């Protein structure tokens, strides 16, 4: 099993910045893709950004140019640097990890980000 713990959420003013962290522990061998998702009440969970074990990132159009995903494999931690935050970025953010060959997917418990206007 893999445990994912998010941190760094909170309240920020519009236009501000915030950094989320996701620390992975447990049986992390074979984890290749890690991602950030977010979900607003009553809506489906959506992909925000994803990064491979080799460090290749991809972003949703809604955050391209504002958010930066990265990972430190030595620390087993993934980050999401969020800047130019908007009120519509106010949602719960989830950390996701996938083991190679479809051998498992894991989710964090979620962390709230609130952007005030």
Protein backbone atom coordinates (compact mmCIF):
# COMPACT_ATOMS: atom_id res chain seq x y z
CA UNK A 1 0.00 0.00 0.00
CA UNK A 2 0.93 3.60 -0.58
CA UNK A 3 -0.03 6.47 1.68
CA UNK A 4 -0.32 9.96 0.21
CA UNK A 5 -0.56 12.97 2.49
CA UNK A 6 -1.27 16.44 1.14
CA UNK A 7 -0.24 19.65 2.88
CA UNK A 8 0.03 23.36 2.15
CA UNK A 9 -3.57 24.24 1.46
CA UNK A 10 -5.42 27.14 3.01
CA UNK A 11 -6.79 30.58 2.34
CA UNK A 12 -5.20 33.04 -0.07
CA UNK A 13 -6.33 36.20 -1.82
CA UNK A 14 -6.99 36.26 -5.53
CA UNK A 15 -3.77 36.78 -7.43
CA UNK A 16 -1.77 35.14 -4.68
CA UNK A 17 0.29 31.98 -4.59
CA UNK A 18 0.25 28.72 -2.71
CA UNK A 19 2.30 25.53 -2.78
CA UNK A 20 0.79 22.12 -2.20
CA UNK A 21 2.90 19.13 -1.24
CA UNK A 22 2.13 15.43 -1.45
CA UNK A 23 4.33 13.09 0.55
CA UNK A 24 4.27 9.42 -0.43
CA UNK A 25 5.16 6.62 1.95
CA UNK A 26 4.77 2.88 2.19
CA UNK A 27 5.35 0.55 -0.73
CA UNK A 28 6.28 3.26 -3.22
CA UNK A 29 8.45 1.15 -5.49
CA UNK A 30 7.07 1.18 -9.00
CA UNK A 31 5.13 4.42 -8.72
CA UNK A 32 5.45 6.13 -12.08
CA UNK A 33 2.80 8.79 -12.67
CA UNK A 34 1.77 11.22 -9.98
CA UNK A 35 -0.93 13.80 -10.45
CA UNK A 36 -3.01 16.50 -8.84
CA UNK A 37 -6.76 16.42 -9.24
CA UNK A 38 -9.40 18.75 -7.89
CA UNK A 39 -13.08 18.51 -7.23
CA UNK A 40 -15.73 21.10 -6.58
CA UNK A 41 -18.95 20.19 -4.75
CA UNK A 42 -21.37 18.43 -7.07
CA UNK A 43 -18.86 18.16 -9.88
CA UNK A 44 -16.62 15.41 -11.19
CA UNK A 45 -13.01 15.20 -10.11
CA UNK A 46 -10.83 16.78 -12.78
CA UNK A 47 -7.18 16.41 -13.63
CA UNK A 48 -5.11 19.49 -12.87
CA UNK A 49 -1.57 18.37 -13.66
CA UNK A 50 0.39 15.19 -14.01
CA UNK A 51 4.07 14.30 -13.96
CA UNK A 52 5.92 11.14 -14.90
CA UNK A 53 8.76 9.59 -12.93
CA UNK A 54 11.06 11.15 -15.49
CA UNK A 55 9.70 14.60 -14.72
CA UNK A 56 7.59 15.26 -17.82
CA UNK A 57 4.62 17.50 -16.88
CA UNK A 58 1.21 18.04 -18.43
CA UNK A 59 -1.43 20.55 -17.43
CA UNK A 60 -5.11 21.18 -17.79
CA UNK A 61 -5.85 24.18 -20.00
CA UNK A 62 -7.42 25.97 -17.05
CA UNK A 63 -4.14 26.07 -15.11
CA UNK A 64 -1.53 26.13 -17.89
CA UNK A 65 0.91 28.96 -17.26
CA UNK A 66 -0.25 29.47 -13.66
CA UNK A 67 0.49 26.15 -11.98
CA UNK A 68 3.75 24.18 -11.95
CA UNK A 69 3.98 20.53 -10.99
CA UNK A 70 7.24 18.96 -9.85
CA UNK A 71 8.47 15.99 -7.90
CA UNK A 72 11.48 15.14 -5.78
CA UNK A 73 11.97 11.41 -6.14
CA UNK A 74 14.61 11.36 -3.42
CA UNK A 75 12.06 12.78 -0.96
CA UNK A 76 9.11 10.87 -2.44
CA UNK A 77 7.26 14.15 -2.62
CA UNK A 78 5.30 15.91 -5.34
CA UNK A 79 4.53 19.62 -5.41
CA UNK A 80 2.07 21.96 -7.04
CA UNK A 81 3.11 25.59 -7.21
CA UNK A 82 -0.01 27.66 -7.79
CA UNK A 83 0.19 31.31 -8.77
CA UNK A 84 -2.23 33.95 -10.05
CA UNK A 85 -4.91 32.13 -8.13
CA UNK A 86 -8.54 32.82 -8.95
CA UNK A 87 -11.70 32.35 -6.89
CA UNK A 88 -12.67 29.51 -9.22
CA UNK A 89 -9.57 27.62 -8.05
CA UNK A 90 -11.37 27.23 -4.72
CA UNK A 91 -11.86 23.47 -4.45
CA UNK A 92 -10.45 20.39 -2.75
CA UNK A 93 -7.19 19.19 -4.29
CA UNK A 94 -6.24 15.51 -4.32
CA UNK A 95 -2.90 13.81 -4.78
CA UNK A 96 -2.88 10.71 -7.01
CA UNK A 97 -0.24 8.08 -7.68
CA UNK A 98 -0.23 5.16 -10.09
CA UNK A 99 1.93 2.09 -9.99
CA UNK A 100 3.35 0.79 -13.27
CA UNK A 101 1.49 -1.81 -15.31
CA UNK A 102 -1.79 -0.87 -13.63
CA UNK A 103 -0.81 -2.56 -10.41
CA UNK A 104 -2.45 0.05 -8.24
CA UNK A 105 -3.74 3.58 -7.93
CA UNK A 106 -3.75 5.61 -4.75
CA UNK A 107 -5.38 8.80 -3.54
CA UNK A 108 -4.66 11.27 -0.80
CA UNK A 109 -7.37 12.47 1.54
CA UNK A 110 -7.68 15.85 -0.16
CA UNK A 111 -6.85 19.36 0.95
CA UNK A 112 -8.90 22.52 0.73
CA UNK A 113 -7.71 25.58 -1.16
CA UNK A 114 -9.79 28.73 -0.81
CA UNK A 115 -9.17 31.83 -2.92
CA UNK A 116 -10.94 34.96 -1.77
CA UNK A 117 -11.91 37.70 -4.19
